[in-house]
PDB file of N, CA and C in Angstrom:
ATOM      1  N   MET A   1      11.692  31.026 -12.248  1.00  0.00           N
ATOM      2  CA  MET A   1      10.191  30.533 -11.820  1.00  0.00           C
ATOM      3  C   MET A   1       9.517  30.116 -13.364  1.00  0.00           C
ATOM      4  N   SER A   2       9.350  28.978 -12.814  1.00  0.00           N
ATOM      5  CA  SER A   2       8.949  28.111 -14.269  1.00  0.00           C
ATOM      6  C   SER A   2       7.348  28.703 -14.449  1.00  0.00           C
ATOM      7  N   LYS A   3       6.886  28.282 -15.675  1.00  0.00           N
ATOM      8  CA  LYS A   3       5.733  28.734 -16.446  1.00  0.00           C
ATOM      9  C   LYS A   3       4.538  27.621 -16.085  1.00  0.00           C
ATOM     10  N   ASP A   4       3.624  27.708 -15.715  1.00  0.00           N
ATOM     11  CA  ASP A   4       2.430  26.900 -15.742  1.00  0.00           C
ATOM     12  C   ASP A   4       1.852  26.556 -16.965  1.00  0.00           C
ATOM     13  N   ASN A   5       2.064  24.960 -16.748  1.00  0.00           N
ATOM     14  CA  ASN A   5       1.230  24.774 -18.549  1.00  0.00           C
ATOM     15  C   ASN A   5      -0.032  24.304 -18.696  1.00  0.00           C
ATOM     16  N   ARG A   6      -0.520  24.616 -17.339  1.00  0.00           N
ATOM     17  CA  ARG A   6      -1.720  23.830 -17.070  1.00  0.00           C
ATOM     18  C   ARG A   6      -2.842  24.241 -18.434  1.00  0.00           C
ATOM     19  N   LYS A   7      -3.906  23.523 -18.686  1.00  0.00           N
ATOM     20  CA  LYS A   7      -5.259  23.936 -19.186  1.00  0.00           C
ATOM     21  C   LYS A   7      -5.888  24.622 -18.177  1.00  0.00           C
ATOM     22  N   ALA A   8      -6.213  24.444 -17.082  1.00  0.00           N
ATOM     23  CA  ALA A   8      -7.139  25.181 -16.002  1.00  0.00           C
ATOM     24  C   ALA A   8      -6.777  25.934 -15.020  1.00  0.00           C
ATOM     25  N   THR A   9      -6.774  26.449 -14.470  1.00  0.00           N
ATOM     26  CA  THR A   9      -6.431  27.163 -13.314  1.00  0.00           C
ATOM     27  C   THR A   9      -6.684  26.719 -12.086  1.00  0.00           C
ATOM     28  N   ARG A  10      -5.980  25.882 -11.325  1.00  0.00           N
ATOM     29  CA  ARG A  10      -6.346  25.184 -10.005  1.00  0.00           C
ATOM     30  C   ARG A  10      -6.901  26.046  -8.915  1.00  0.00           C
ATOM     31  N   ARG A  11      -8.338  25.500  -8.124  1.00  0.00           N
ATOM     32  CA  ARG A  11      -8.361  25.992  -6.954  1.00  0.00           C
ATOM     33  C   ARG A  11      -7.638  25.308  -5.663  1.00  0.00           C
ATOM     34  N   PRO A  12      -7.212  25.932  -5.074  1.00  0.00           N
ATOM     35  CA  PRO A  12      -6.989  25.611  -3.503  1.00  0.00           C
ATOM     36  C   PRO A  12      -7.848  24.950  -3.073  1.00  0.00           C
ATOM     37  N   LEU A  13      -7.703  23.522  -2.339  1.00  0.00           N
ATOM     38  CA  LEU A  13      -8.587  23.261  -1.216  1.00  0.00           C
ATOM     39  C   LEU A  13      -7.992  21.910  -0.383  1.00  0.00           C
ATOM     40  N   ARG A  14      -8.785  21.353   0.769  1.00  0.00           N
ATOM     41  CA  ARG A  14      -8.895  20.500   0.890  1.00  0.00           C
ATOM     42  C   ARG A  14      -9.834  19.284   1.313  1.00  0.00           C
ATOM     43  N   TYR A  15      -9.890  18.878   0.663  1.00  0.00           N
ATOM     44  CA  TYR A  15     -10.916  17.684   0.745  1.00  0.00           C
ATOM     45  C   TYR A  15     -10.778  16.277   0.663  1.00  0.00           C
ATOM     46  N   THR A  16     -11.577  15.827   1.380  1.00  0.00           N
ATOM     47  CA  THR A  16     -11.073  14.127   1.636  1.00  0.00           C
ATOM     48  C   THR A  16     -12.003  13.327   0.434  1.00  0.00           C
ATOM     49  N   ALA A  17     -11.094  12.783  -0.234  1.00  0.00           N
ATOM     50  CA  ALA A  17     -12.022  11.746  -1.372  1.00  0.00           C
ATOM     51  C   ALA A  17     -11.465  10.334  -1.205  1.00  0.00           C
ATOM     52  N   TRP A  18     -11.974   9.487  -2.163  1.00  0.00           N
ATOM     53  CA  TRP A  18     -11.630   7.792  -2.307  1.00  0.00           C
ATOM     54  C   TRP A  18     -11.088   7.895  -3.734  1.00  0.00           C
ATOM     55  N   MET A  19     -10.043   6.927  -3.577  1.00  0.00           N
ATOM     56  CA  MET A  19      -9.585   6.211  -4.736  1.00  0.00           C
ATOM     57  C   MET A  19      -9.936   4.864  -5.028  1.00  0.00           C
ATOM     58  N   ALA A  20     -11.326   4.202  -6.187  1.00  0.00           N
ATOM     59  CA  ALA A  20     -11.363   3.369  -6.721  1.00  0.00           C
ATOM     60  C   ALA A  20      -9.925   2.409  -6.916  1.00  0.00           C
ATOM     61  N   LEU A  21      -9.365   1.204  -6.131  1.00  0.00           N
ATOM     62  CA  LEU A  21      -8.008   0.574  -7.141  1.00  0.00           C
ATOM     63  C   LEU A  21      -8.842  -0.912  -7.685  1.00  0.00           C
ATOM     64  N   LYS A  22      -8.286  -1.356  -8.699  1.00  0.00           N
ATOM     65  CA  LYS A  22      -8.266  -2.473  -9.361  1.00  0.00           C
ATOM     66  C   LYS A  22      -8.520  -3.327  -8.472  1.00  0.00           C
ATOM     67  N   ASP A  23      -8.260  -3.719  -7.197  1.00  0.00           N
ATOM     68  CA  ASP A  23      -8.613  -4.957  -6.215  1.00  0.00           C
ATOM     69  C   ASP A  23      -9.939  -4.782  -5.866  1.00  0.00           C
ATOM     70  N   GLY A  24     -10.798  -3.496  -6.139  1.00  0.00           N
ATOM     71  CA  GLY A  24     -12.053  -3.417  -5.283  1.00  0.00           C
ATOM     72  C   GLY A  24     -11.794  -2.776  -4.379  1.00  0.00           C
ATOM     73  N   HIS A  25     -10.609  -2.621  -3.976  1.00  0.00           N
ATOM     74  CA  HIS A  25     -10.859  -1.836  -2.496  1.00  0.00           C
ATOM     75  C   HIS A  25     -10.838  -0.276  -2.688  1.00  0.00           C
ATOM     76  N   LEU A  26     -11.345   0.551  -1.586  1.00  0.00           N
ATOM     77  CA  LEU A  26     -11.427   2.231  -1.698  1.00  0.00           C
ATOM     78  C   LEU A  26     -10.065   2.616  -0.749  1.00  0.00           C
ATOM     79  N   HIS A  27      -9.430   3.323  -1.019  1.00  0.00           N
ATOM     80  CA  HIS A  27      -8.155   3.778  -0.905  1.00  0.00           C
ATOM     81  C   HIS A  27      -8.849   5.226  -0.228  1.00  0.00           C
ATOM     82  N   GLY A  28      -8.499   6.034   0.790  1.00  0.00           N
ATOM     83  CA  GLY A  28      -8.544   7.430   0.675  1.00  0.00           C
ATOM     84  C   GLY A  28      -7.660   8.477   0.714  1.00  0.00           C
ATOM     85  N   CYS A  29      -7.597   9.162  -0.088  1.00  0.00           N
ATOM     86  CA  CYS A  29      -6.714  10.397  -0.313  1.00  0.00           C
ATOM     87  C   CYS A  29      -7.348  12.206   0.528  1.00  0.00           C
ATOM     88  N   ALA A  30      -6.357  12.854   0.524  1.00  0.00           N
ATOM     89  CA  ALA A  30      -6.992  14.104   0.311  1.00  0.00           C
ATOM     90  C   ALA A  30      -6.240  14.893  -0.837  1.00  0.00           C
ATOM     91  N   LEU A  31      -7.340  15.517  -1.593  1.00  0.00           N
ATOM     92  CA  LEU A  31      -6.883  16.535  -2.888  1.00  0.00           C
ATOM     93  C   LEU A  31      -6.658  18.081  -2.084  1.00  0.00           C
ATOM     94  N   PHE A  32      -5.739  18.509  -3.023  1.00  0.00           N
ATOM     95  CA  PHE A  32      -4.882  19.748  -1.968  1.00  0.00           C
ATOM     96  C   PHE A  32      -5.407  21.144  -3.291  1.00  0.00           C
ATOM     97  N   ASP A  33      -5.745  20.709  -4.569  1.00  0.00           N
ATOM     98  CA  ASP A  33      -5.852  21.459  -5.451  1.00  0.00           C
ATOM     99  C   ASP A  33      -6.536  20.810  -7.020  1.00  0.00           C
ATOM    100  N   MET A  34      -7.259  21.726  -7.393  1.00  0.00           N
ATOM    101  CA  MET A  34      -8.197  20.619  -8.050  1.00  0.00           C
ATOM    102  C   MET A  34      -8.844  22.024  -9.602  1.00  0.00           C
ATOM    103  N   SER A  35      -9.092  21.602 -10.140  1.00  0.00           N
ATOM    104  CA  SER A  35      -9.567  22.037 -11.852  1.00  0.00           C
ATOM    105  C   SER A  35     -10.458  21.226 -12.433  1.00  0.00           C
ATOM    106  N   ASP A  36     -10.975  22.105 -13.647  1.00  0.00           N
ATOM    107  CA  ASP A  36     -11.766  21.234 -14.480  1.00  0.00           C
ATOM    108  C   ASP A  36     -11.387  19.968 -14.871  1.00  0.00           C
ATOM    109  N   THR A  37      -9.731  19.762 -15.305  1.00  0.00           N
ATOM    110  CA  THR A  37      -8.660  19.260 -15.921  1.00  0.00           C
ATOM    111  C   THR A  37      -7.966  18.130 -14.816  1.00  0.00           C
ATOM    112  N   GLY A  38      -7.926  18.327 -14.000  1.00  0.00           N
ATOM    113  CA  GLY A  38      -6.710  17.744 -13.149  1.00  0.00           C
ATOM    114  C   GLY A  38      -6.936  18.474 -11.503  1.00  0.00           C
ATOM    115  N   ALA A  39      -5.524  17.598 -11.239  1.00  0.00           N
ATOM    116  CA  ALA A  39      -6.092  17.785  -9.125  1.00  0.00           C
ATOM    117  C   ALA A  39      -4.597  17.158  -8.689  1.00  0.00           C
ATOM    118  N   ARG A  40      -4.263  17.811  -7.520  1.00  0.00           N
ATOM    119  CA  ARG A  40      -2.760  17.300  -6.862  1.00  0.00           C
ATOM    120  C   ARG A  40      -3.687  16.776  -5.579  1.00  0.00           C
ATOM    121  N   ILE A  41      -3.220  15.625  -5.109  1.00  0.00           N
ATOM    122  CA  ILE A  41      -3.776  14.823  -4.049  1.00  0.00           C
ATOM    123  C   ILE A  41      -2.851  14.126  -3.510  1.00  0.00           C
ATOM    124  N   GLU A  42      -2.888  13.805  -2.490  1.00  0.00           N
ATOM    125  CA  GLU A  42      -1.915  13.645  -1.507  1.00  0.00           C
ATOM    126  C   GLU A  42      -2.228  12.045  -0.880  1.00  0.00           C
ATOM    127  N   VAL A  43      -1.379  10.700  -0.678  1.00  0.00           N
ATOM    128  CA  VAL A  43      -1.944   9.839  -0.366  1.00  0.00           C
ATOM    129  C   VAL A  43      -0.266   9.254   0.450  1.00  0.00           C
ATOM    130  N   ASP A  44      -1.263   8.377   0.976  1.00  0.00           N
ATOM    131  CA  ASP A  44       0.276   7.474   1.808  1.00  0.00           C
ATOM    132  C   ASP A  44       1.341   6.784   1.395  1.00  0.00           C
ATOM    133  N   ASP A  45       0.953   6.664   0.281  1.00  0.00           N
ATOM    134  CA  ASP A  45       1.744   5.910  -0.627  1.00  0.00           C
ATOM    135  C   ASP A  45       1.911   6.043  -1.989  1.00  0.00           C
ATOM    136  N   SER A  46       2.609   6.774  -2.697  1.00  0.00           N
ATOM    137  CA  SER A  46       2.075   6.849  -4.658  1.00  0.00           C
ATOM    138  C   SER A  46       2.170   5.647  -4.646  1.00  0.00           C
ATOM    139  N   ASP A  47       2.964   4.660  -4.454  1.00  0.00           N
ATOM    140  CA  ASP A  47       3.388   3.406  -5.118  1.00  0.00           C
ATOM    141  C   ASP A  47       2.387   2.160  -5.063  1.00  0.00           C
ATOM    142  N   ILE A  48       1.306   2.448  -4.415  1.00  0.00           N
ATOM    143  CA  ILE A  48       0.303   1.703  -4.452  1.00  0.00           C
ATOM    144  C   ILE A  48      -0.713   1.808  -5.467  1.00  0.00           C
ATOM    145  N   VAL A  49      -0.616   3.127  -6.332  1.00  0.00           N
ATOM    146  CA  VAL A  49      -1.586   4.150  -6.738  1.00  0.00           C
ATOM    147  C   VAL A  49      -1.300   3.197  -8.419  1.00  0.00           C
ATOM    148  N   PRO A  50      -2.427   2.674  -9.365  1.00  0.00           N
ATOM    149  CA  PRO A  50      -2.159   2.632 -10.352  1.00  0.00           C
ATOM    150  C   PRO A  50      -1.968   3.863 -11.237  1.00  0.00           C
ATOM    151  N   ASP A  51      -1.484   3.493 -12.514  1.00  0.00           N
ATOM    152  CA  ASP A  51      -1.279   4.459 -13.479  1.00  0.00           C
ATOM    153  C   ASP A  51      -2.791   5.202 -13.556  1.00  0.00           C
ATOM    154  N   ARG A  52      -4.018   4.337 -13.583  1.00  0.00           N
ATOM    155  CA  ARG A  52      -5.629   4.762 -13.751  1.00  0.00           C
ATOM    156  C   ARG A  52      -6.439   4.424 -12.910  1.00  0.00           C
ATOM    157  N   PHE A  53      -7.592   5.291 -12.322  1.00  0.00           N
ATOM    158  CA  PHE A  53      -8.177   5.109 -11.227  1.00  0.00           C
ATOM    159  C   PHE A  53      -9.633   5.431 -11.532  1.00  0.00           C
ATOM    160  N   VAL A  54     -10.448   5.526 -10.765  1.00  0.00           N
ATOM    161  CA  VAL A  54     -11.488   6.359 -10.475  1.00  0.00           C
ATOM    162  C   VAL A  54     -11.541   7.029  -9.231  1.00  0.00           C
ATOM    163  N   LEU A  55     -11.659   8.485  -9.281  1.00  0.00           N
ATOM    164  CA  LEU A  55     -11.565   9.300  -8.239  1.00  0.00           C
ATOM    165  C   LEU A  55     -12.860   9.190  -7.818  1.00  0.00           C
ATOM    166  N   LEU A  56     -13.064   9.439  -6.085  1.00  0.00           N
ATOM    167  CA  LEU A  56     -14.777   9.395  -5.969  1.00  0.00           C
ATOM    168  C   LEU A  56     -14.504  10.340  -5.048  1.00  0.00           C
ATOM    169  N   LEU A  57     -15.235  11.868  -5.591  1.00  0.00           N
ATOM    170  CA  LEU A  57     -15.396  12.915  -4.666  1.00  0.00           C
ATOM    171  C   LEU A  57     -16.469  12.810  -3.610  1.00  0.00           C
ATOM    172  N   SER A  58     -17.398  11.868  -3.501  1.00  0.00           N
ATOM    173  CA  SER A  58     -18.647  11.660  -2.924  1.00  0.00           C
ATOM    174  C   SER A  58     -18.872  10.611  -2.198  1.00  0.00           C
ATOM    175  N   GLY A  59     -19.720  10.833  -1.044  1.00  0.00           N
ATOM    176  CA  GLY A  59     -19.624   9.419  -0.533  1.00  0.00           C
ATOM    177  C   GLY A  59     -20.812   8.243  -1.101  1.00  0.00           C
ATOM    178  N   ASN A  60     -21.718   9.113  -1.927  1.00  0.00           N
ATOM    179  CA  ASN A  60     -22.616   8.291  -2.458  1.00  0.00           C
ATOM    180  C   ASN A  60     -22.037   8.006  -3.914  1.00  0.00           C
ATOM    181  N   GLY A  61     -20.726   8.204  -4.656  1.00  0.00           N
ATOM    182  CA  GLY A  61     -20.119   7.917  -6.161  1.00  0.00           C
ATOM    183  C   GLY A  61     -20.752   8.560  -7.307  1.00  0.00           C
ATOM    184  N   LYS A  62     -21.178   9.492  -6.656  1.00  0.00           N
ATOM    185  CA  LYS A  62     -22.170  10.093  -7.678  1.00  0.00           C
ATOM    186  C   LYS A  62     -21.201  11.396  -8.434  1.00  0.00           C
ATOM    187  N   ALA A  63     -20.041  11.311  -7.736  1.00  0.00           N
ATOM    188  CA  ALA A  63     -19.256  12.516  -8.190  1.00  0.00           C
ATOM    189  C   ALA A  63     -18.171  12.216  -8.436  1.00  0.00           C
ATOM    190  N   LYS A  64     -17.809  11.440  -9.628  1.00  0.00           N
ATOM    191  CA  LYS A  64     -16.202  10.803  -9.559  1.00  0.00           C
ATOM    192  C   LYS A  64     -15.526  11.383 -11.010  1.00  0.00           C
ATOM    193  N   ARG A  65     -14.191  10.888 -10.630  1.00  0.00           N
ATOM    194  CA  ARG A  65     -13.572  11.417 -12.649  1.00  0.00           C
ATOM    195  C   ARG A  65     -12.656  10.391 -12.414  1.00  0.00           C
ATOM    196  N   LYS A  66     -12.259   9.770 -13.940  1.00  0.00           N
ATOM    197  CA  LYS A  66     -11.425   8.910 -14.057  1.00  0.00           C
ATOM    198  C   LYS A  66     -10.096   9.286 -14.157  1.00  0.00           C
ATOM    199  N   CYS A  67      -8.973   9.072 -13.887  1.00  0.00           N
ATOM    200  CA  CYS A  67      -8.012  10.402 -13.217  1.00  0.00           C
ATOM    201  C   CYS A  67      -6.912   9.241 -14.057  1.00  0.00           C
ATOM    202  N   ARG A  68      -5.764   9.817 -14.846  1.00  0.00           N
ATOM    203  CA  ARG A  68      -4.465   9.288 -15.455  1.00  0.00           C
ATOM    204  C   ARG A  68      -3.428   9.685 -14.280  1.00  0.00           C
ATOM    205  N   VAL A  69      -2.732   9.384 -13.881  1.00  0.00           N
ATOM    206  CA  VAL A  69      -1.426   9.678 -13.282  1.00  0.00           C
ATOM    207  C   VAL A  69      -0.047  10.492 -14.135  1.00  0.00           C
ATOM    208  N   MET A  70       0.327  11.702 -13.719  1.00  0.00           N
ATOM    209  CA  MET A  70       0.752  12.228 -14.613  1.00  0.00           C
ATOM    210  C   MET A  70       2.591  12.437 -14.122  1.00  0.00           C
ATOM    211  N   TRP A  71       2.363  12.308 -12.412  1.00  0.00           N
ATOM    212  CA  TRP A  71       3.322  12.451 -11.652  1.00  0.00           C
ATOM    213  C   TRP A  71       2.825  12.406 -10.224  1.00  0.00           C
ATOM    214  N   ARG A  72       4.257  11.185 -10.494  1.00  0.00           N
ATOM    215  CA  ARG A  72       4.484  10.643  -8.486  1.00  0.00           C
ATOM    216  C   ARG A  72       5.480  11.443  -7.966  1.00  0.00           C
ATOM    217  N   LYS A  73       5.462  11.869  -6.441  1.00  0.00           N
ATOM    218  CA  LYS A  73       6.227  12.055  -5.078  1.00  0.00           C
ATOM    219  C   LYS A  73       5.850  11.069  -4.138  1.00  0.00           C
ATOM    220  N   PRO A  74       6.696  10.785  -3.405  1.00  0.00           N
ATOM    221  CA  PRO A  74       6.142   9.548  -2.596  1.00  0.00           C
ATOM    222  C   PRO A  74       5.119  10.026  -2.068  1.00  0.00           C
ATOM    223  N   ARG A  75       4.544  11.075  -1.452  1.00  0.00           N
ATOM    224  CA  ARG A  75       3.450  10.956  -0.751  1.00  0.00           C
ATOM    225  C   ARG A  75       2.291  11.712  -1.803  1.00  0.00           C
ATOM    226  N   GLN A  76       2.500  12.199  -2.845  1.00  0.00           N
ATOM    227  CA  GLN A  76       1.762  13.246  -3.514  1.00  0.00           C
ATOM    228  C   GLN A  76       1.706  12.583  -5.342  1.00  0.00           C
ATOM    229  N   ILE A  77       0.110  12.536  -5.907  1.00  0.00           N
ATOM    230  CA  ILE A  77       0.454  12.427  -7.400  1.00  0.00           C
ATOM    231  C   ILE A  77      -0.215  13.766  -8.176  1.00  0.00           C
ATOM    232  N   GLY A  78       0.116  14.189  -9.690  1.00  0.00           N
ATOM    233  CA  GLY A  78      -0.517  14.715  -9.919  1.00  0.00           C
ATOM    234  C   GLY A  78      -1.551  13.952 -10.875  1.00  0.00           C
ATOM    235  N   VAL A  79      -2.611  13.786 -11.514  1.00  0.00           N
ATOM    236  CA  VAL A  79      -3.346  13.406 -11.949  1.00  0.00           C
ATOM    237  C   VAL A  79      -4.241  14.441 -13.075  1.00  0.00           C
ATOM    238  N   SER A  80      -4.448  14.029 -14.283  1.00  0.00           N
ATOM    239  CA  SER A  80      -5.661  14.711 -15.312  1.00  0.00           C
ATOM    240  C   SER A  80      -6.869  13.748 -15.589  1.00  0.00           C
ATOM    241  N   PHE A  81      -7.874  14.652 -15.548  1.00  0.00           N
ATOM    242  CA  PHE A  81      -8.881  13.598 -15.765  1.00  0.00           C
ATOM    243  C   PHE A  81      -9.531  13.390 -17.400  1.00  0.00           C
ATOM    244  N   GLU A  82      -9.500  11.746 -17.621  1.00  0.00           N
ATOM    245  CA  GLU A  82      -9.601  11.450 -18.587  1.00  0.00           C
ATOM    246  C   GLU A  82     -10.660  11.892 -19.574  1.00  0.00           C
ATOM    247  N   ARG A  83     -11.836  12.526 -18.819  1.00  0.00           N
ATOM    248  CA  ARG A  83     -12.169  13.306 -20.347  1.00  0.00           C
ATOM    249  C   ARG A  83     -13.617  14.533 -19.245  1.00  0.00           C
ATOM    250  N   PRO A  84     -13.131  15.336 -19.928  1.00  0.00           N
ATOM    251  CA  PRO A  84     -14.280  16.758 -19.275  1.00  0.00           C
ATOM    252  C   PRO A  84     -15.652  15.941 -19.635  1.00  0.00           C
ATOM    253  N   LEU A  85     -16.526  16.491 -17.691  1.00  0.00           N
ATOM    254  CA  LEU A  85     -17.803  16.463 -17.876  1.00  0.00           C
ATOM    255  C   LEU A  85     -18.627  17.080 -18.644  1.00  0.00           C
ATOM    256  N   ALA A  86     -19.750  16.763 -18.951  1.00  0.00           N
ATOM    257  CA  ALA A  86     -20.903  17.705 -19.900  1.00  0.00           C
ATOM    258  C   ALA A  86     -21.009  18.595 -18.610  1.00  0.00           C
ATOM    259  N   ASP A  87     -21.066  19.819 -19.099  1.00  0.00           N
ATOM    260  CA  ASP A  87     -21.437  20.905 -18.104  1.00  0.00           C
ATOM    261  C   ASP A  87     -22.574  20.620 -17.042  1.00  0.00           C
ATOM    262  N   GLU A  88     -23.845  19.848 -17.791  1.00  0.00           N
ATOM    263  CA  GLU A  88     -24.747  19.782 -16.647  1.00  0.00           C
ATOM    264  C   GLU A  88     -24.925  18.902 -15.944  1.00  0.00           C
ATOM    265  N   ALA A  89     -23.516  17.794 -16.334  1.00  0.00           N
ATOM    266  CA  ALA A  89     -23.048  16.596 -15.342  1.00  0.00           C
ATOM    267  C   ALA A  89     -22.123  17.437 -14.643  1.00  0.00           C
ATOM    268  N   ARG A  90     -21.437  18.166 -14.727  1.00  0.00           N
ATOM    269  CA  ARG A  90     -20.374  18.322 -13.681  1.00  0.00           C
ATOM    270  C   ARG A  90     -20.692  18.774 -12.323  1.00  0.00           C
ATOM    271  N   ALA A  91     -19.867  18.057 -11.097  1.00  0.00           N
ATOM    272  CA  ALA A  91     -19.963  18.206 -10.123  1.00  0.00           C
ATOM    273  C   ALA A  91     -18.862  18.846 -10.009  1.00  0.00           C
ATOM    274  N   THR A  92     -18.711  19.764  -8.946  1.00  0.00           N
ATOM    275  CA  THR A  92     -17.544  20.750  -8.403  1.00  0.00           C
ATOM    276  C   THR A  92     -18.037  20.853  -7.057  1.00  0.00           C
ATOM    277  N   LEU A  93     -16.559  20.839  -5.991  1.00  0.00           N
ATOM    278  CA  LEU A  93     -16.372  21.077  -4.851  1.00  0.00           C
ATOM    279  C   LEU A  93     -15.830  22.728  -4.612  1.00  0.00           C
ATOM    280  N   VAL A  94     -15.775  23.303  -5.283  1.00  0.00           N
ATOM    281  CA  VAL A  94     -15.769  24.915  -5.445  1.00  0.00           C
ATOM    282  C   VAL A  94     -16.454  25.471  -6.160  1.00  0.00           C
ATOM    283  N   PRO A  95     -18.001  26.049  -4.956  1.00  0.00           N
ATOM    284  CA  PRO A  95     -19.505  26.739  -5.671  1.00  0.00           C
ATOM    285  C   PRO A  95     -18.784  28.091  -6.388  1.00  0.00           C
ATOM    286  N   LYS A  96     -19.376  28.224  -7.445  1.00  0.00           N
ATOM    287  CA  LYS A  96     -19.238  29.395  -8.314  1.00  0.00           C
ATOM    288  C   LYS A  96     -20.667  30.456  -8.192  1.00  0.00           C
ATOM    289  N   LEU A  97     -20.000  31.805  -7.889  1.00  0.00           N
ATOM    290  CA  LEU A  97     -21.745  32.561  -7.683  1.00  0.00           C
ATOM    291  C   LEU A  97     -21.699  32.869  -9.150  1.00  0.00           C
ATOM    292  N   ASP A  98     -23.056  32.848  -9.275  1.00  0.00           N
ATOM    293  CA  ASP A  98     -23.428  33.839 -10.346  1.00  0.00           C
ATOM    294  C   ASP A  98     -23.367  35.159 -10.364  1.00  0.00           C
ATOM    295  N   ALA A  99     -23.325  36.052 -11.855  1.00  0.00           N
ATOM    296  CA  ALA A  99     -22.774  37.285 -12.081  1.00  0.00           C
ATOM    297  C   ALA A  99     -23.651  38.083 -11.039  1.00  0.00           C
ATOM    298  N   ASP A 100     -24.887  37.732 -10.515  1.00  0.00           N
ATOM    299  CA  ASP A 100     -25.862  39.030 -10.309  1.00  0.00           C
ATOM    300  C   ASP A 100     -26.291  38.554  -8.858  1.00  0.00           C
ATOM    301  N   PHE A 101     -25.054  37.705  -8.178  1.00  0.00           N
ATOM    302  CA  PHE A 101     -25.728  37.528  -7.230  1.00  0.00           C
ATOM    303  C   PHE A 101     -24.738  38.916  -6.098  1.00  0.00           C
ATOM    304  N   ASP A 102     -25.847  38.738  -5.208  1.00  0.00           N
ATOM    305  CA  ASP A 102     -26.257  39.875  -4.322  1.00  0.00           C
ATOM    306  C   ASP A 102     -25.925  39.889  -2.866  1.00  0.00           C
ATOM    307  N   PRO A 103     -24.923  39.619  -1.717  1.00  0.00           N
ATOM    308  CA  PRO A 103     -24.594  38.874  -0.681  1.00  0.00           C
ATOM    309  C   PRO A 103     -25.298  39.879   0.109  1.00  0.00           C
ATOM    310  N   ALA A 104     -25.363  41.512  -0.180  1.00  0.00           N
ATOM    311  CA  ALA A 104     -26.621  42.050   0.840  1.00  0.00           C
ATOM    312  C   ALA A 104     -27.580  41.341   0.934  1.00  0.00           C
ATOM    313  N   GLN A 105     -28.228  40.045   0.130  1.00  0.00           N
ATOM    314  CA  GLN A 105     -29.547  40.123   0.144  1.00  0.00           C
ATOM    315  C   GLN A 105     -29.885  39.049   1.216  1.00  0.00           C
ATOM    316  N   PHE A 106     -28.932  38.568   1.769  1.00  0.00           N
ATOM    317  CA  PHE A 106     -28.739  37.602   3.002  1.00  0.00           C
ATOM    318  C   PHE A 106     -28.462  38.761   3.866  1.00  0.00           C
ATOM    319  N   ASP A 107     -28.154  39.963   4.588  1.00  0.00           N
ATOM    320  CA  ASP A 107     -28.205  40.346   5.266  1.00  0.00           C
ATOM    321  C   ASP A 107     -29.292  40.814   6.083  1.00  0.00           C
ATOM    322  N   THR A 108     -29.401  40.326   7.577  1.00  0.00           N
ATOM    323  CA  THR A 108     -30.781  40.116   8.208  1.00  0.00           C
ATOM    324  C   THR A 108     -30.624  41.650   9.391  1.00  0.00           C
ATOM    325  N   GLU A 109     -31.437  41.834   9.856  1.00  0.00           N
ATOM    326  CA  GLU A 109     -31.476  42.809  10.883  1.00  0.00           C
ATOM    327  C   GLU A 109     -31.632  41.352  12.203  1.00  0.00           C
ATOM    328  N   VAL A 110     -30.583  41.764  13.290  1.00  0.00           N
ATOM    329  CA  VAL A 110     -31.084  41.283  14.620  1.00  0.00           C
ATOM    330  C   VAL A 110     -32.075  41.810  15.035  1.00  0.00           C
ATOM    331  N   VAL A 111     -32.664  40.729  15.807  1.00  0.00           N
ATOM    332  CA  VAL A 111     -33.799  41.105  16.759  1.00  0.00           C
ATOM    333  C   VAL A 111     -33.614  40.430  18.065  1.00  0.00           C
ATOM    334  N   GLU A 112     -33.748  40.845  18.897  1.00  0.00           N
ATOM    335  CA  GLU A 112     -33.716  40.638  20.342  1.00  0.00           C
ATOM    336  C   GLU A 112     -35.078  39.766  20.775  1.00  0.00           C
ATOM    337  N   SER A 113     -34.938  38.555  21.505  1.00  0.00           N
ATOM    338  CA  SER A 113     -36.280  38.194  21.599  1.00  0.00           C
ATOM    339  C   SER A 113     -35.770  38.947  23.242  1.00  0.00           C
ATOM    340  N   ALA A 114     -37.246  39.085  23.721  1.00  0.00           N
ATOM    341  CA  ALA A 114     -37.737  39.391  25.119  1.00  0.00           C
ATOM    342  C   ALA A 114     -37.664  38.589  26.178  1.00  0.00           C
TER     343      ALA A 114
END
């Protein structure tokens, strides 16, 4: 088994995103896993993806990452994010629970209606 040299733990997910290509077009893709430093992305054809591009993670474009392609397969690419965002600006796809989160606070009694 090979050693994982990633700087951050990848979280598995399946999320639709868009790549902003140099010609001004948006190209749909799917994130398969993501960390604070990079992601694995499924694409129709990895040959059309430039070495650097902007990955849009939200429909309004506020959550985005500048990416650099690290490896290519015919339908997948691995990217590193060019610069980490400051903590207050970080947009994540996978929520993190606070240490003091208590799921019991959401338990509610079922009340039957008359």
